[in-house]
């Protein structure tokens, strides 16, 4: 659903001339993209993320779960009186950070290929880790924010004896996480 907008955003970020005033509007960019390749052009670069999506999510949640398990095994469960600001579990923070790194390690190459396909630029296998540091940095804070918000929301719902559907909980927390790290994206 979002891939056409992702392609337009990427094209808007790439300089097309040395004159910033010559930059086409979003509507003109969409028209140019359609004229150059039809509807398929809006989905350029989507295949690498489609292929890597399951791997990325498996990496982030797998690493997160492993780190939480390891921290609890080594140090025991975190007592609520040791939470930062009374609501942030330090194990969740550390595990979320490492989960984001796990995702970034997998996502980096797929992201680079996606962007190169969107801007119709060739690439070589040796270049798949270009921009890798930025992806790791962004993902470590993004996923850490997501699991922190999930943990805080879970605490709040338990205190109020309330329940929300998982899709709604994840959607709320994912949006909060994106707003938290948006400048890094």
Protein backbone atom coordinates (compact mmCIF):
# COMPACT_ATOMS: atom_id res chain seq x y z
CA UNK A 1 0.00 0.00 0.00
CA UNK A 2 2.72 2.49 0.97
CA UNK A 3 5.31 1.53 -1.65
CA UNK A 4 4.18 4.11 -4.26
CA UNK A 5 4.54 6.88 -1.65
CA UNK A 6 7.91 5.48 -0.55
CA UNK A 7 9.11 5.60 -4.17
CA UNK A 8 7.91 9.20 -4.58
CA UNK A 9 9.55 10.19 -1.27
CA UNK A 10 12.84 8.65 -2.35
CA UNK A 11 12.72 10.39 -5.71
CA UNK A 12 11.96 13.71 -3.97
CA UNK A 13 15.07 13.26 -1.81
CA UNK A 14 17.38 12.70 -4.77
CA UNK A 15 18.69 15.89 -6.40
CA UNK A 16 17.77 16.00 -10.09
CA UNK A 17 19.62 19.22 -10.88
CA UNK A 18 21.81 21.81 -9.21
CA UNK A 19 18.88 24.25 -9.19
CA UNK A 20 16.54 23.52 -6.22
CA UNK A 21 13.80 25.63 -7.83
CA UNK A 22 13.72 23.17 -10.76
CA UNK A 23 12.61 20.34 -8.46
CA UNK A 24 9.25 19.00 -9.67
CA UNK A 25 6.22 18.97 -7.36
CA UNK A 26 5.01 15.68 -5.89
CA UNK A 27 2.19 15.58 -8.44
CA UNK A 28 4.59 16.27 -11.32
CA UNK A 29 6.97 13.59 -10.00
CA UNK A 30 4.08 11.11 -9.91
CA UNK A 31 3.11 12.04 -13.47
CA UNK A 32 6.73 11.72 -14.66
CA UNK A 33 7.09 8.37 -12.92
CA UNK A 34 3.87 7.06 -14.47
CA UNK A 35 4.89 8.30 -17.96
CA UNK A 36 8.27 6.61 -17.61
CA UNK A 37 7.01 3.19 -16.53
CA UNK A 38 3.28 3.04 -15.82
CA UNK A 39 1.93 1.80 -12.49
CA UNK A 40 4.81 -0.68 -12.14
CA UNK A 41 7.25 2.22 -11.77
CA UNK A 42 5.63 3.15 -8.44
CA UNK A 43 6.59 -0.28 -7.07
CA UNK A 44 10.26 -0.19 -8.10
CA UNK A 45 12.39 -1.39 -5.25
CA UNK A 46 9.51 -3.18 -3.54
CA UNK A 47 10.71 -6.72 -4.25
CA UNK A 48 13.87 -6.53 -2.08
CA UNK A 49 11.83 -5.40 0.94
CA UNK A 50 9.12 -7.96 0.24
CA UNK A 51 11.77 -10.69 0.17
CA UNK A 52 13.59 -9.38 3.22
CA UNK A 53 10.56 -8.35 5.30
CA UNK A 54 10.12 -11.66 7.08
CA UNK A 55 13.85 -11.96 7.70
CA UNK A 56 14.02 -8.44 9.15
CA UNK A 57 11.11 -8.97 11.52
CA UNK A 58 12.40 -12.39 12.55
CA UNK A 59 15.79 -10.88 13.31
CA UNK A 60 14.44 -8.00 15.40
CA UNK A 61 12.04 -10.10 17.49
CA UNK A 62 14.41 -13.07 17.70
CA UNK A 63 17.32 -10.97 18.95
CA UNK A 64 15.00 -9.04 21.30
CA UNK A 65 13.63 -12.24 22.85
CA UNK A 66 17.09 -13.77 23.20
CA UNK A 67 18.51 -10.67 24.90
CA UNK A 68 15.54 -10.38 27.32
CA UNK A 69 15.89 -14.07 28.17
CA UNK A 70 19.65 -13.74 28.67
CA UNK A 71 19.30 -10.61 30.85
CA UNK A 72 16.63 -12.23 33.00
CA UNK A 73 18.71 -15.40 33.33
CA UNK A 74 21.80 -13.43 34.30
CA UNK A 75 20.27 -10.68 36.46
CA UNK A 76 16.76 -11.92 37.22
CA UNK A 77 13.56 -10.16 36.22
CA UNK A 78 13.61 -6.39 36.65
CA UNK A 79 11.59 -5.30 39.64
CA UNK A 80 9.18 -2.41 38.95
CA UNK A 81 10.97 -0.24 41.54
CA UNK A 82 14.08 -0.43 39.30
CA UNK A 83 12.24 0.88 36.22
CA UNK A 84 13.42 4.20 34.81
CA UNK A 85 10.85 6.92 35.55
CA UNK A 86 8.75 4.23 37.21
CA UNK A 87 7.62 2.69 33.90
CA UNK A 88 10.61 1.84 31.64
CA UNK A 89 12.08 -1.62 32.11
CA UNK A 90 15.87 -1.46 31.54
CA UNK A 91 15.87 -5.00 30.11
CA UNK A 92 13.35 -3.91 27.48
CA UNK A 93 15.51 -0.89 26.57
CA UNK A 94 18.69 -2.95 26.11
CA UNK A 95 16.94 -5.83 24.34
CA UNK A 96 15.07 -3.41 22.05
CA UNK A 97 18.30 -1.68 21.10
CA UNK A 98 19.91 -5.01 20.18
CA UNK A 99 16.76 -6.16 18.40
CA UNK A 100 16.99 -3.04 16.23
CA UNK A 101 20.60 -3.82 15.44
CA UNK A 102 19.57 -7.37 14.50
CA UNK A 103 17.00 -5.96 12.10
CA UNK A 104 19.47 -3.40 10.72
CA UNK A 105 22.05 -6.08 9.91
CA UNK A 106 19.45 -7.83 7.76
CA UNK A 107 17.69 -4.71 6.44
CA UNK A 108 20.75 -2.69 5.39
CA UNK A 109 21.49 -4.56 2.17
CA UNK A 110 17.80 -4.85 1.20
CA UNK A 111 17.27 -1.12 1.84
CA UNK A 112 20.25 -0.13 -0.31
CA UNK A 113 19.03 -2.30 -3.22
CA UNK A 114 15.49 -0.91 -2.81
CA UNK A 115 16.67 2.70 -3.03
CA UNK A 116 18.91 1.99 -6.02
CA UNK A 117 15.97 0.36 -7.82
CA UNK A 118 13.70 3.30 -6.98
CA UNK A 119 16.08 5.85 -8.46
CA UNK A 120 17.01 3.52 -11.34
CA UNK A 121 20.66 3.36 -10.41
CA UNK A 122 22.86 0.32 -10.82
CA UNK A 123 24.53 -1.37 -7.90
CA UNK A 124 27.23 -3.92 -7.17
CA UNK A 125 27.21 -6.55 -4.46
CA UNK A 126 30.22 -4.86 -2.85
CA UNK A 127 28.04 -1.78 -2.23
CA UNK A 128 25.19 -3.47 -0.30
CA UNK A 129 26.40 -2.13 3.03
CA UNK A 130 26.53 1.53 1.94
CA UNK A 131 24.44 3.53 4.38
CA UNK A 132 24.58 0.59 6.79
CA UNK A 133 25.57 2.68 9.81
CA UNK A 134 22.57 4.99 9.37
CA UNK A 135 20.21 2.03 9.07
CA UNK A 136 21.66 0.42 12.22
CA UNK A 137 21.43 3.69 14.15
CA UNK A 138 17.84 4.36 13.09
CA UNK A 139 16.64 0.78 13.67
CA UNK A 140 18.25 0.43 17.09
CA UNK A 141 16.34 3.48 18.35
CA UNK A 142 13.17 2.69 16.38
CA UNK A 143 12.75 -0.85 17.66
CA UNK A 144 13.83 0.08 21.17
CA UNK A 145 11.17 2.82 21.17
CA UNK A 146 8.57 0.39 19.88
CA UNK A 147 9.15 -2.24 22.58
CA UNK A 148 9.36 0.43 25.30
CA UNK A 149 5.97 1.81 24.23
CA UNK A 150 4.56 -1.73 24.05
CA UNK A 151 5.78 -2.47 27.56
CA UNK A 152 4.43 0.81 28.97
CA UNK A 153 1.07 0.27 27.25
CA UNK A 154 0.91 -3.26 28.64
CA UNK A 155 1.57 -1.93 32.15
CA UNK A 156 -1.13 0.73 31.77
CA UNK A 157 -3.69 -1.75 30.46
CA UNK A 158 -2.98 -4.19 33.30
CA UNK A 159 -3.33 -1.41 35.90
CA UNK A 160 -6.70 -0.45 34.45
CA UNK A 161 -7.83 -4.05 33.87
CA UNK A 162 -8.30 -3.23 30.19
CA UNK A 163 -7.59 -5.11 26.98
CA UNK A 164 -6.85 -3.92 23.44
CA UNK A 165 -6.58 -6.06 20.32
CA UNK A 166 -2.92 -6.85 19.46
CA UNK A 167 -3.21 -5.12 16.07
CA UNK A 168 -4.33 -1.89 17.74
CA UNK A 169 -1.62 -2.07 20.45
CA UNK A 170 1.11 -2.66 17.88
CA UNK A 171 -0.26 0.07 15.60
CA UNK A 172 -0.33 2.65 18.37
CA UNK A 173 3.17 1.78 19.55
CA UNK A 174 4.63 1.58 16.04
CA UNK A 175 3.33 5.07 15.24
CA UNK A 176 4.64 6.46 18.51
CA UNK A 177 8.03 4.87 17.80
CA UNK A 178 8.15 6.39 14.29
CA UNK A 179 7.29 9.82 15.66
CA UNK A 180 10.03 9.39 18.28
CA UNK A 181 12.78 8.62 15.77
CA UNK A 182 11.39 10.40 12.70
CA UNK A 183 14.38 12.78 12.34
CA UNK A 184 16.67 9.73 12.07
CA UNK A 185 14.64 8.30 9.15
